[in-house]
Amino acid sequence: MPMMKRFPGRIPSQILLGLVAVALCLVLPAGCGKKGPPKLPDVTPPSSVNNLAATLEGGDVVLRWTAAAAKKEDQATEGYLIYRSAEPVSEEACEGCPVLFQRAAKIPLAEAVAASNAMVYREALLPATRYRFKVVPYDTQGQLGPNSNIVRIVTD
């Protein structure tokens, strides 16, 4: 039978494995804090846009709306997303068909703020086109608020 040499200061692997197992059994059940069911974070979307209106000025559409005040401090609106749908007037309008909006602009609140909470967005339009616009607020966490009303504009 071969004789095992012992090296001073070295712990045999079986003992080392046993010590690691005991240490894990002592540490793992402790967990990392308060026990209980998980709680969802308090996530409130930004307030909706009020009174979206569109007017034609020259070849541009001007969208105006009133920014709603935040109900909570942590619910502050960071900016607005402008969505647009466009189709040629030559195509027949389909009542009841879904409207496919595409994002036209992202406006940080610092750029959109005007006197008395009135917001304005201006965009050049193509002739002989039927447009629909809506505005959606977003907050500092990127969370979207509810859609505004949809406004319609037809260019000649």
Protein backbone atom coordinates (compact mmCIF):
# COMPACT_ATOMS: atom_id res chain seq x y z
CA MET A 1 0.00 0.00 0.00
CA PRO A 2 1.48 3.36 -0.99
CA MET A 3 2.07 5.76 1.75
CA MET A 4 0.68 9.30 1.46
CA LYS A 5 3.05 12.07 2.26
CA ARG A 6 1.74 14.79 4.49
CA PHE A 7 2.73 18.34 3.80
CA PRO A 8 2.72 20.63 6.82
CA GLY A 9 0.08 23.37 6.64
CA ARG A 10 -1.93 21.70 3.87
CA ILE A 11 -5.53 20.67 4.58
CA PRO A 12 -6.71 17.44 2.96
CA SER A 13 -9.31 18.03 0.22
CA GLN A 14 -12.03 16.01 1.98
CA ILE A 15 -11.80 18.15 5.08
CA LEU A 16 -11.68 21.33 3.02
CA LEU A 17 -14.81 20.26 1.11
CA GLY A 18 -16.58 19.53 4.41
CA LEU A 19 -15.68 22.96 5.80
CA VAL A 20 -16.99 24.71 2.67
CA ALA A 21 -20.26 22.74 2.89
CA VAL A 22 -20.74 23.71 6.55
CA ALA A 23 -20.00 27.38 5.78
CA LEU A 24 -22.57 27.40 2.98
CA CYS A 25 -25.18 25.81 5.24
CA LEU A 26 -24.64 28.59 7.77
CA VAL A 27 -24.65 31.50 5.29
CA LEU A 28 -27.35 30.60 2.76
CA PRO A 29 -30.37 30.36 5.08
CA ALA A 30 -29.65 33.85 6.42
CA GLY A 31 -30.76 35.40 3.11
CA CYS A 32 -30.39 39.05 2.35
CA GLY A 33 -32.95 41.00 4.29
CA LYS A 34 -36.58 41.13 5.22
CA LYS A 35 -38.63 38.09 4.28
CA GLY A 36 -42.06 38.47 2.76
CA PRO A 37 -43.89 38.59 -0.53
CA PRO A 38 -42.37 40.84 -3.19
CA LYS A 39 -43.90 44.29 -3.63
CA LEU A 40 -44.33 46.03 -6.93
CA PRO A 41 -42.76 49.47 -7.18
CA ASP A 42 -45.13 52.42 -7.02
CA VAL A 43 -45.23 53.27 -10.71
CA THR A 44 -47.60 56.01 -11.75
CA PRO A 45 -47.52 57.15 -15.39
CA PRO A 46 -47.34 60.85 -16.23
CA SER A 47 -50.59 62.80 -16.48
CA SER A 48 -52.39 63.06 -19.79
CA VAL A 49 -52.18 65.90 -22.30
CA ASN A 50 -55.20 68.20 -22.28
CA ASN A 51 -56.92 69.98 -25.16
CA LEU A 52 -54.77 68.95 -28.14
CA ALA A 53 -55.70 71.20 -31.08
CA ALA A 54 -54.27 71.58 -34.59
CA THR A 55 -54.30 74.57 -36.92
CA LEU A 56 -52.84 75.16 -40.38
CA GLU A 57 -50.55 78.18 -40.65
CA GLY A 58 -49.15 78.51 -44.15
CA GLY A 59 -47.87 75.04 -45.07
CA ASP A 60 -47.29 74.07 -41.44
CA VAL A 61 -49.41 72.38 -38.84
CA VAL A 62 -49.23 73.89 -35.37
CA LEU A 63 -50.20 71.60 -32.50
CA ARG A 64 -51.13 73.21 -29.20
CA TRP A 65 -51.94 71.52 -25.91
CA THR A 66 -51.99 72.13 -22.21
CA ALA A 67 -49.59 70.19 -20.05
CA ALA A 68 -51.32 68.54 -17.13
CA ALA A 69 -49.80 69.13 -13.72
CA ALA A 70 -48.17 66.12 -12.06
CA LYS A 71 -50.15 64.59 -9.21
CA LYS A 72 -46.98 63.52 -7.40
CA GLU A 73 -43.44 64.87 -7.36
CA ASP A 74 -41.99 61.62 -8.68
CA GLN A 75 -44.47 61.65 -11.57
CA ALA A 76 -43.00 64.66 -13.35
CA THR A 77 -43.33 64.74 -17.12
CA GLU A 78 -39.95 64.70 -18.86
CA GLY A 79 -41.25 65.50 -22.34
CA TYR A 80 -43.69 64.64 -25.12
CA LEU A 81 -43.76 62.23 -28.05
CA ILE A 82 -45.57 63.47 -31.15
CA TYR A 83 -47.14 60.74 -33.29
CA ARG A 84 -48.33 61.29 -36.86
CA SER A 85 -50.35 59.30 -39.38
CA ALA A 86 -50.39 60.45 -43.02
CA GLU A 87 -52.18 59.18 -46.11
CA PRO A 88 -52.80 60.75 -49.53
CA VAL A 89 -56.17 62.40 -50.02
CA SER A 90 -56.50 60.37 -53.24
CA GLU A 91 -56.89 57.18 -51.14
CA GLU A 92 -60.36 56.56 -49.83
CA ALA A 93 -60.65 57.04 -46.07
CA CYS A 94 -61.40 53.80 -44.26
CA GLU A 95 -63.77 54.36 -41.34
CA GLY A 96 -63.15 51.91 -38.52
CA CYS A 97 -59.72 50.81 -39.81
CA PRO A 98 -56.83 50.97 -37.35
CA VAL A 99 -54.67 54.09 -37.61
CA LEU A 100 -50.95 53.43 -37.91
CA PHE A 101 -49.08 56.21 -36.12
CA GLN A 102 -45.35 56.78 -36.43
CA ARG A 103 -43.30 58.84 -34.04
CA ALA A 104 -42.64 62.23 -35.61
CA ALA A 105 -40.78 63.97 -32.77
CA LYS A 106 -39.52 63.66 -29.21
CA ILE A 107 -39.71 66.97 -27.41
CA PRO A 108 -38.00 67.35 -24.01
CA LEU A 109 -40.08 69.42 -21.62
CA ALA A 110 -37.39 72.12 -21.44
CA GLU A 111 -37.89 72.78 -25.18
CA ALA A 112 -41.69 72.56 -25.11
CA VAL A 113 -42.43 74.84 -22.18
CA ALA A 114 -44.11 78.08 -23.01
CA ALA A 115 -45.97 80.61 -20.91
CA SER A 116 -48.94 79.32 -18.89
CA ASN A 117 -48.25 75.60 -19.48
CA ALA A 118 -49.28 75.88 -23.17
CA MET A 119 -47.18 73.63 -25.40
CA VAL A 120 -46.57 74.15 -29.13
CA TYR A 121 -45.16 71.93 -31.89
CA ARG A 122 -44.76 73.03 -35.52
CA GLU A 123 -44.18 70.82 -38.59
CA ALA A 124 -44.21 71.37 -42.37
CA LEU A 125 -46.84 69.30 -44.19
CA LEU A 126 -47.12 67.84 -47.68
CA PRO A 127 -49.95 68.99 -49.95
CA ALA A 128 -53.00 66.78 -50.66
CA THR A 129 -52.48 64.68 -47.53
CA ARG A 130 -54.76 63.63 -44.69
CA TYR A 131 -52.98 63.80 -41.30
CA ARG A 132 -53.78 62.66 -37.77
CA PHE A 133 -51.72 63.63 -34.74
CA LYS A 134 -51.61 62.60 -31.09
CA VAL A 135 -49.32 63.53 -28.20
CA VAL A 136 -48.09 61.16 -25.49
CA PRO A 137 -46.22 62.37 -22.37
CA TYR A 138 -43.26 60.45 -20.94
CA ASP A 139 -41.59 60.68 -17.54
CA THR A 140 -38.01 60.56 -16.26
CA GLN A 141 -38.13 56.73 -16.18
CA GLY A 142 -39.26 56.54 -19.82
CA GLN A 143 -42.76 55.48 -18.84
CA LEU A 144 -45.49 56.61 -21.26
CA GLY A 145 -48.64 58.39 -20.17
CA PRO A 146 -52.06 58.08 -21.82
CA ASN A 147 -52.65 59.16 -25.42
CA SER A 148 -54.12 62.59 -26.03
CA ASN A 149 -57.16 63.12 -28.20
CA ILE A 150 -56.48 62.65 -31.94
CA VAL A 151 -56.63 65.73 -34.16
CA ARG A 152 -57.16 65.66 -37.94
CA ILE A 153 -55.83 68.02 -40.61
CA VAL A 154 -56.24 67.80 -44.41
CA THR A 155 -53.97 69.82 -46.69
CA ASP A 156 -54.98 71.05 -50.15
